[in-house]
Amino acid sequence: MSGLDDLYQELILDHSKRPHGKGLLGAEGDPHTAESHQRNPICGDEITLRAHVATARGEERIAEVSWEGSGCSISQASASMLTELVVGSTRAQAAELIHGFREALRSRGAIDLDEDVYGDAAALSGVSRYVARVKCAMLAWVALEDALLRA
């Protein structure tokens, strides 16, 4: 394993042990807040993600993302990294991030995530080489995509 792979593995473990955004926040029933529950029956990962969208100066932005879940370190780290990345983004920016993440993870190692764009989530690029783990990494991103459609 290369030094960069070691660093990425450490980053994933750190996010899974000390996750950002864990613990559902916000008011259920608020029309600008939506929740999505997703599960990966193959390995037992589950996540409930809540996103709150606020409008400021005519522009909708993701004001808050929180989640509860259980599962492997990849799914938990991915949810943590996502939370850190998208708060403050517009819906369009979040959709673009989700699309790029999905494309990289389905590439089987052909596309690496740009660290300048994806921050810590770029550490998940290597997951694309392990088809069985792609859904683990995608779970929170699919939940956010669904929640944003509902909010």
Protein backbone atom coordinates (compact mmCIF):
# COMPACT_ATOMS: atom_id res chain seq x y z
CA MET A 1 0.00 0.00 0.00
CA SER A 2 1.31 3.45 -0.88
CA GLY A 3 1.71 6.28 1.60
CA LEU A 4 -1.31 8.04 0.08
CA ASP A 5 -3.44 4.89 0.45
CA ASP A 6 -2.37 4.66 4.09
CA LEU A 7 -3.34 8.30 4.64
CA TYR A 8 -6.73 7.78 2.98
CA GLN A 9 -7.38 4.67 5.06
CA GLU A 10 -6.54 6.64 8.22
CA LEU A 11 -8.89 9.44 7.16
CA ILE A 12 -11.74 6.97 6.60
CA LEU A 13 -11.17 5.35 9.99
CA ASP A 14 -10.99 8.75 11.70
CA HIS A 15 -14.33 9.86 10.18
CA SER A 16 -15.98 6.57 11.12
CA LYS A 17 -14.76 6.85 14.74
CA ARG A 18 -15.49 10.58 15.11
CA PRO A 19 -18.27 11.30 12.62
CA HIS A 20 -19.41 14.79 11.69
CA GLY A 21 -23.13 15.52 11.59
CA LYS A 22 -24.19 12.38 13.44
CA GLY A 23 -27.35 12.84 15.48
CA LEU A 24 -30.56 13.96 13.77
CA LEU A 25 -31.17 17.69 14.13
CA GLY A 26 -33.91 20.00 12.93
CA ALA A 27 -37.63 19.89 13.11
CA GLU A 28 -39.47 16.99 11.62
CA GLY A 29 -42.48 18.25 9.67
CA ASP A 30 -40.79 21.52 8.60
CA PRO A 31 -41.55 21.90 4.84
CA HIS A 32 -37.92 22.93 4.24
CA THR A 33 -36.56 19.86 6.02
CA ALA A 34 -36.74 16.38 4.60
CA GLU A 35 -35.55 12.99 5.69
CA SER A 36 -34.51 9.90 3.77
CA HIS A 37 -33.89 6.41 5.08
CA GLN A 38 -31.66 4.17 2.99
CA ARG A 39 -30.29 0.71 3.60
CA ASN A 40 -27.80 -1.63 2.03
CA PRO A 41 -29.16 -5.13 2.58
CA ILE A 42 -25.95 -6.74 1.32
CA CYS A 43 -23.86 -5.66 4.30
CA GLY A 44 -26.47 -4.23 6.67
CA ASP A 45 -25.63 -0.52 6.43
CA GLU A 46 -28.48 1.85 7.25
CA ILE A 47 -28.75 5.61 7.33
CA THR A 48 -31.44 8.16 8.04
CA LEU A 49 -30.34 11.54 6.75
CA ARG A 50 -32.11 14.84 7.38
CA ALA A 51 -31.46 17.92 5.25
CA HIS A 52 -32.69 21.44 5.90
CA VAL A 53 -32.81 23.88 2.99
CA ALA A 54 -33.02 27.61 3.70
CA THR A 55 -33.57 30.51 1.33
CA ALA A 56 -31.41 33.59 1.70
CA ARG A 57 -31.54 36.44 -0.82
CA GLY A 58 -33.56 34.31 -3.21
CA GLU A 59 -31.10 31.39 -3.25
CA GLU A 60 -31.76 28.00 -1.68
CA ARG A 61 -28.82 26.55 0.24
CA ILE A 62 -28.36 23.47 2.36
CA ALA A 63 -28.37 24.93 5.85
CA GLU A 64 -27.98 21.71 7.80
CA VAL A 65 -27.40 18.00 7.24
CA SER A 66 -27.54 15.48 10.04
CA TRP A 67 -27.80 11.72 10.12
CA GLU A 68 -28.10 8.58 12.20
CA GLY A 69 -26.89 5.26 10.99
CA SER A 70 -25.01 2.08 11.50
CA GLY A 71 -22.81 -0.06 9.37
CA CYS A 72 -19.29 -0.45 8.11
CA SER A 73 -16.58 2.18 8.47
CA ILE A 74 -16.90 3.15 4.80
CA SER A 75 -20.62 3.98 5.04
CA GLN A 76 -20.18 5.86 8.31
CA ALA A 77 -17.13 7.79 7.07
CA SER A 78 -18.87 8.65 3.81
CA ALA A 79 -21.87 10.13 5.68
CA SER A 80 -19.51 12.16 7.87
CA MET A 81 -17.52 13.44 4.89
CA LEU A 82 -20.69 14.29 2.95
CA THR A 83 -22.09 16.28 5.86
CA GLU A 84 -18.91 18.30 6.11
CA LEU A 85 -18.83 18.92 2.35
CA VAL A 86 -22.36 20.01 1.42
CA VAL A 87 -23.50 22.36 4.18
CA GLY A 88 -23.67 25.81 2.59
CA SER A 89 -24.02 24.44 -0.95
CA THR A 90 -26.88 25.26 -3.27
CA ARG A 91 -29.12 22.45 -4.48
CA ALA A 92 -27.41 22.60 -7.87
CA GLN A 93 -23.94 22.42 -6.32
CA ALA A 94 -24.98 19.43 -4.19
CA ALA A 95 -26.49 17.68 -7.23
CA GLU A 96 -23.23 18.21 -9.13
CA LEU A 97 -21.20 16.79 -6.21
CA ILE A 98 -23.49 13.75 -5.98
CA HIS A 99 -23.25 13.16 -9.74
CA GLY A 100 -19.45 13.40 -9.73
CA PHE A 101 -19.17 11.14 -6.69
CA ARG A 102 -21.44 8.52 -8.26
CA GLU A 103 -19.50 8.66 -11.54
CA ALA A 104 -16.13 8.22 -9.78
CA LEU A 105 -17.36 5.36 -7.61
CA ARG A 106 -18.81 3.52 -10.60
CA SER A 107 -15.58 3.96 -12.61
CA ARG A 108 -13.77 0.95 -11.09
CA GLY A 109 -10.74 3.09 -10.36
CA ALA A 110 -10.62 5.00 -13.65
CA ILE A 111 -11.74 8.34 -12.12
CA ASP A 112 -10.29 9.78 -8.91
CA LEU A 113 -12.22 12.36 -6.93
CA ASP A 114 -10.57 15.79 -6.91
CA GLU A 115 -9.42 16.61 -3.38
CA ASP A 116 -9.89 20.35 -4.03
CA VAL A 117 -13.57 19.72 -4.81
CA TYR A 118 -14.40 16.77 -2.55
CA GLY A 119 -12.12 17.41 0.42
CA ASP A 120 -11.88 14.40 2.71
CA ALA A 121 -14.40 12.48 0.56
CA ALA A 122 -11.66 12.14 -2.09
CA ALA A 123 -10.25 9.44 0.20
CA LEU A 124 -13.16 7.25 -0.92
CA SER A 125 -11.91 7.11 -4.54
CA GLY A 126 -10.24 3.76 -3.89
CA VAL A 127 -13.57 2.19 -2.96
CA SER A 128 -14.45 2.17 -6.66
CA ARG A 129 -12.05 -0.75 -7.17
CA TYR A 130 -14.21 -2.90 -4.84
CA VAL A 131 -17.65 -3.21 -6.45
CA ALA A 132 -19.22 -4.73 -3.32
CA ARG A 133 -18.25 -1.61 -1.29
CA VAL A 134 -19.50 1.04 -3.71
CA LYS A 135 -23.04 0.93 -2.29
CA CYS A 136 -21.59 1.39 1.21
CA ALA A 137 -19.92 4.64 0.16
CA MET A 138 -22.93 5.81 -1.89
CA LEU A 139 -25.59 5.27 0.79
CA ALA A 140 -25.46 8.74 2.39
CA TRP A 141 -25.16 10.44 -1.00
CA VAL A 142 -28.29 8.67 -2.26
CA ALA A 143 -30.07 9.66 0.97
CA LEU A 144 -29.10 13.32 0.48
CA GLU A 145 -30.25 13.22 -3.15
CA ASP A 146 -33.63 11.83 -2.04
CA ALA A 147 -33.98 14.27 0.87
CA LEU A 148 -33.27 17.26 -1.35
CA LEU A 149 -36.03 16.16 -3.72
CA ARG A 150 -38.44 16.13 -0.76
CA ALA A 151 -37.34 19.38 0.96
